[in-house]
Amino acid sequence: MSNFYFTPSSISFLAQFILSLALTGFLVVRFFWRLEGESHSKLAVCFLFIATIFSGLLFADAVLLPKPRLIAVYLESPVEALAVLERV
């Protein structure tokens, strides 16, 4: 029996997670490539890193079976709160 349950919404969350991961990776490389890091660059990288974690949790919420899914559901709210606090 499979531990994953792929639906159209879970596949779209997977695509969103992969795109977010690629964008975050690109910005992290750009941020560390330049020696002078502006504060707005650091804020953008931190926010996109948190958004990537959140989109990964949304994918886990959509693809996992009910019992292991609770872990992802419980972690979504603190990660979302981190994203809001980081932007303040």
N, C-alpha and C. Protein backbone atom coordinates (compact mmCIF):
# COMPACT_ATOMS: atom_id res chain seq x y z
N MET A 1 0.84 -1.18 0.00
CA MET A 1 0.00 0.00 0.00
C MET A 1 0.88 1.24 0.00
N SER A 2 0.50 2.21 -0.78
CA SER A 2 1.28 3.43 -0.92
C SER A 2 1.02 4.38 0.24
N ASN A 3 2.06 5.08 0.63
CA ASN A 3 1.93 6.06 1.70
C ASN A 3 1.54 7.44 1.17
N PHE A 4 1.53 7.60 -0.14
CA PHE A 4 1.21 8.88 -0.75
C PHE A 4 -0.07 8.77 -1.56
N TYR A 5 -0.83 9.84 -1.57
CA TYR A 5 -2.09 9.87 -2.29
C TYR A 5 -2.07 11.09 -3.20
N PHE A 6 -1.64 10.88 -4.45
CA PHE A 6 -1.51 12.00 -5.38
C PHE A 6 -2.86 12.37 -5.98
N THR A 7 -3.18 13.64 -5.86
CA THR A 7 -4.41 14.21 -6.43
C THR A 7 -3.99 15.39 -7.31
N PRO A 8 -4.90 15.96 -8.08
CA PRO A 8 -4.54 17.13 -8.87
C PRO A 8 -4.04 18.30 -8.01
N SER A 9 -4.62 18.48 -6.83
CA SER A 9 -4.15 19.57 -5.98
C SER A 9 -2.76 19.28 -5.42
N SER A 10 -2.46 18.02 -5.11
CA SER A 10 -1.13 17.71 -4.58
C SER A 10 -0.06 17.88 -5.65
N ILE A 11 -0.40 17.58 -6.90
CA ILE A 11 0.57 17.77 -7.98
C ILE A 11 0.83 19.25 -8.21
N SER A 12 -0.19 20.08 -8.08
CA SER A 12 0.03 21.52 -8.23
C SER A 12 0.83 22.07 -7.05
N PHE A 13 0.61 21.55 -5.84
CA PHE A 13 1.44 21.96 -4.70
C PHE A 13 2.89 21.51 -4.89
N LEU A 14 3.10 20.35 -5.50
CA LEU A 14 4.46 19.89 -5.79
C LEU A 14 5.14 20.81 -6.79
N ALA A 15 4.43 21.22 -7.83
CA ALA A 15 5.00 22.16 -8.80
C ALA A 15 5.33 23.49 -8.15
N GLN A 16 4.45 23.97 -7.27
CA GLN A 16 4.70 25.22 -6.56
C GLN A 16 5.92 25.09 -5.65
N PHE A 17 6.06 23.95 -4.98
CA PHE A 17 7.19 23.73 -4.10
C PHE A 17 8.50 23.68 -4.89
N ILE A 18 8.50 23.02 -6.04
CA ILE A 18 9.72 22.93 -6.85
C ILE A 18 10.11 24.30 -7.38
N LEU A 19 9.16 25.08 -7.84
CA LEU A 19 9.46 26.43 -8.33
C LEU A 19 9.96 27.33 -7.21
N SER A 20 9.34 27.23 -6.05
CA SER A 20 9.77 28.02 -4.91
C SER A 20 11.16 27.62 -4.45
N LEU A 21 11.45 26.33 -4.47
CA LEU A 21 12.77 25.84 -4.11
C LEU A 21 13.83 26.33 -5.09
N ALA A 22 13.52 26.31 -6.38
CA ALA A 22 14.47 26.80 -7.38
C ALA A 22 14.73 28.29 -7.23
N LEU A 23 13.68 29.07 -6.99
CA LEU A 23 13.84 30.51 -6.81
C LEU A 23 14.63 30.83 -5.56
N THR A 24 14.35 30.13 -4.48
CA THR A 24 15.07 30.36 -3.23
C THR A 24 16.54 29.97 -3.39
N GLY A 25 16.80 28.85 -4.04
CA GLY A 25 18.18 28.44 -4.27
C GLY A 25 18.93 29.44 -5.12
N PHE A 26 18.29 29.97 -6.15
CA PHE A 26 18.92 30.98 -6.99
C PHE A 26 19.26 32.23 -6.19
N LEU A 27 18.31 32.69 -5.37
CA LEU A 27 18.56 33.91 -4.60
C LEU A 27 19.61 33.69 -3.51
N VAL A 28 19.66 32.50 -2.93
CA VAL A 28 20.70 32.21 -1.94
C VAL A 28 22.08 32.25 -2.59
N VAL A 29 22.19 31.66 -3.78
CA VAL A 29 23.47 31.70 -4.49
C VAL A 29 23.83 33.13 -4.86
N ARG A 30 22.86 33.90 -5.33
CA ARG A 30 23.13 35.31 -5.67
C ARG A 30 23.50 36.12 -4.43
N PHE A 31 22.86 35.82 -3.31
CA PHE A 31 23.12 36.57 -2.08
C PHE A 31 24.54 36.30 -1.58
N PHE A 32 24.97 35.03 -1.62
CA PHE A 32 26.29 34.70 -1.12
C PHE A 32 27.38 34.93 -2.16
N TRP A 33 27.00 35.09 -3.44
CA TRP A 33 27.98 35.35 -4.48
C TRP A 33 28.55 36.76 -4.32
N ARG A 34 27.67 37.71 -4.02
CA ARG A 34 28.13 39.08 -3.80
C ARG A 34 28.57 39.22 -2.36
N LEU A 35 29.67 39.90 -2.15
CA LEU A 35 30.19 40.03 -0.79
C LEU A 35 29.41 41.03 0.03
N GLU A 36 28.88 42.06 -0.59
CA GLU A 36 28.09 43.03 0.14
C GLU A 36 26.62 42.65 0.04
N GLY A 37 26.05 42.25 1.16
CA GLY A 37 24.66 41.85 1.17
C GLY A 37 23.80 42.95 1.77
N GLU A 38 22.89 43.48 0.97
CA GLU A 38 22.00 44.52 1.48
C GLU A 38 20.96 43.89 2.38
N SER A 39 20.40 44.70 3.26
CA SER A 39 19.42 44.17 4.21
C SER A 39 18.14 43.72 3.51
N HIS A 40 17.77 44.40 2.43
CA HIS A 40 16.55 43.97 1.73
C HIS A 40 16.76 42.63 1.03
N SER A 41 17.98 42.34 0.61
CA SER A 41 18.26 41.03 0.01
C SER A 41 18.15 39.93 1.05
N LYS A 42 18.65 40.20 2.24
CA LYS A 42 18.56 39.21 3.30
C LYS A 42 17.11 38.95 3.69
N LEU A 43 16.29 39.99 3.74
CA LEU A 43 14.87 39.82 4.07
C LEU A 43 14.15 39.03 2.99
N ALA A 44 14.49 39.29 1.73
CA ALA A 44 13.84 38.55 0.64
C ALA A 44 14.21 37.08 0.67
N VAL A 45 15.48 36.78 0.93
CA VAL A 45 15.92 35.39 0.98
C VAL A 45 15.27 34.68 2.17
N CYS A 46 15.20 35.32 3.32
CA CYS A 46 14.56 34.70 4.48
C CYS A 46 13.08 34.45 4.25
N PHE A 47 12.40 35.42 3.66
CA PHE A 47 10.97 35.25 3.40
C PHE A 47 10.72 34.13 2.40
N LEU A 48 11.51 34.08 1.34
CA LEU A 48 11.31 33.03 0.34
C LEU A 48 11.68 31.66 0.90
N PHE A 49 12.64 31.59 1.80
CA PHE A 49 12.97 30.32 2.45
C PHE A 49 11.80 29.83 3.29
N ILE A 50 11.18 30.73 4.04
CA ILE A 50 10.02 30.36 4.85
C ILE A 50 8.83 30.00 3.95
N ALA A 51 8.66 30.72 2.85
CA ALA A 51 7.58 30.40 1.91
C ALA A 51 7.80 29.04 1.26
N THR A 52 9.05 28.67 1.03
CA THR A 52 9.36 27.36 0.47
C THR A 52 9.00 26.26 1.45
N ILE A 53 9.34 26.46 2.71
CA ILE A 53 8.98 25.49 3.74
C ILE A 53 7.46 25.36 3.83
N PHE A 54 6.76 26.49 3.76
CA PHE A 54 5.30 26.47 3.84
C PHE A 54 4.68 25.74 2.65
N SER A 55 5.21 25.97 1.45
CA SER A 55 4.66 25.27 0.29
C SER A 55 4.98 23.78 0.34
N GLY A 56 6.12 23.41 0.92
CA GLY A 56 6.41 21.99 1.13
C GLY A 56 5.44 21.36 2.12
N LEU A 57 5.09 22.10 3.15
CA LEU A 57 4.10 21.60 4.11
C LEU A 57 2.71 21.48 3.48
N LEU A 58 2.36 22.40 2.60
CA LEU A 58 1.09 22.29 1.89
C LEU A 58 1.07 21.05 1.00
N PHE A 59 2.21 20.77 0.36
CA PHE A 59 2.30 19.55 -0.46
C PHE A 59 2.16 18.31 0.42
N ALA A 60 2.83 18.31 1.57
CA ALA A 60 2.72 17.17 2.48
C ALA A 60 1.29 17.02 3.00
N ASP A 61 0.63 18.13 3.24
CA ASP A 61 -0.76 18.09 3.70
C ASP A 61 -1.67 17.47 2.65
N ALA A 62 -1.39 17.74 1.38
CA ALA A 62 -2.26 17.23 0.32
C ALA A 62 -1.94 15.80 -0.08
N VAL A 63 -0.71 15.34 0.14
CA VAL A 63 -0.32 14.05 -0.41
C VAL A 63 -0.30 12.92 0.63
N LEU A 64 -0.15 13.24 1.90
CA LEU A 64 -0.01 12.19 2.90
C LEU A 64 -1.37 11.64 3.33
N LEU A 65 -1.33 10.46 3.88
CA LEU A 65 -2.53 9.85 4.44
C LEU A 65 -2.88 10.54 5.77
N PRO A 66 -4.08 10.35 6.29
CA PRO A 66 -4.55 11.16 7.43
C PRO A 66 -3.66 11.14 8.68
N LYS A 67 -3.13 10.01 9.08
CA LYS A 67 -2.36 9.98 10.32
C LYS A 67 -1.04 10.76 10.23
N PRO A 68 -0.17 10.52 9.24
CA PRO A 68 1.05 11.33 9.17
C PRO A 68 0.81 12.76 8.69
N ARG A 69 -0.37 13.00 8.13
CA ARG A 69 -0.71 14.33 7.65
C ARG A 69 -0.82 15.34 8.80
N LEU A 70 -1.17 14.87 9.98
CA LEU A 70 -1.34 15.77 11.12
C LEU A 70 -0.07 16.53 11.45
N ILE A 71 1.08 15.92 11.26
CA ILE A 71 2.34 16.61 11.54
C ILE A 71 2.48 17.84 10.64
N ALA A 72 2.18 17.68 9.36
CA ALA A 72 2.25 18.81 8.44
C ALA A 72 1.22 19.87 8.78
N VAL A 73 0.02 19.44 9.16
CA VAL A 73 -1.03 20.40 9.50
C VAL A 73 -0.66 21.20 10.74
N TYR A 74 -0.07 20.53 11.73
CA TYR A 74 0.33 21.23 12.95
C TYR A 74 1.48 22.20 12.72
N LEU A 75 2.33 21.93 11.75
CA LEU A 75 3.47 22.80 11.49
C LEU A 75 3.15 23.97 10.57
N GLU A 76 2.02 23.95 9.90
CA GLU A 76 1.68 25.02 8.96
C GLU A 76 1.48 26.37 9.67
N SER A 77 0.79 26.38 10.78
CA SER A 77 0.51 27.65 11.47
C SER A 77 1.77 28.32 12.02
N PRO A 78 2.67 27.60 12.69
CA PRO A 78 3.90 28.29 13.15
C PRO A 78 4.76 28.81 12.00
N VAL A 79 4.83 28.08 10.90
CA VAL A 79 5.63 28.55 9.77
C VAL A 79 4.99 29.78 9.15
N GLU A 80 3.66 29.80 9.08
CA GLU A 80 2.97 30.98 8.56
C GLU A 80 3.17 32.18 9.49
N ALA A 81 3.18 31.94 10.79
CA ALA A 81 3.42 33.02 11.74
C ALA A 81 4.84 33.54 11.61
N LEU A 82 5.81 32.66 11.35
CA LEU A 82 7.19 33.12 11.10
C LEU A 82 7.27 34.00 9.87
N ALA A 83 6.53 33.65 8.84
CA ALA A 83 6.54 34.47 7.62
C ALA A 83 5.96 35.85 7.88
N VAL A 84 4.92 35.91 8.68
CA VAL A 84 4.31 37.21 9.00
C VAL A 84 5.25 38.03 9.88
N LEU A 85 5.85 37.39 10.88
CA LEU A 85 6.76 38.12 11.77
C LEU A 85 8.01 38.58 11.05
N GLU A 86 8.47 37.81 10.07
CA GLU A 86 9.68 38.18 9.35
C GLU A 86 9.45 39.42 8.51
N ARG A 87 8.25 39.62 8.03
CA ARG A 87 7.96 40.78 7.19
C ARG A 87 7.73 42.05 8.00
N VAL A 88 7.56 41.94 9.29
CA VAL A 88 7.30 43.12 10.14
C VAL A 88 8.58 43.86 10.42
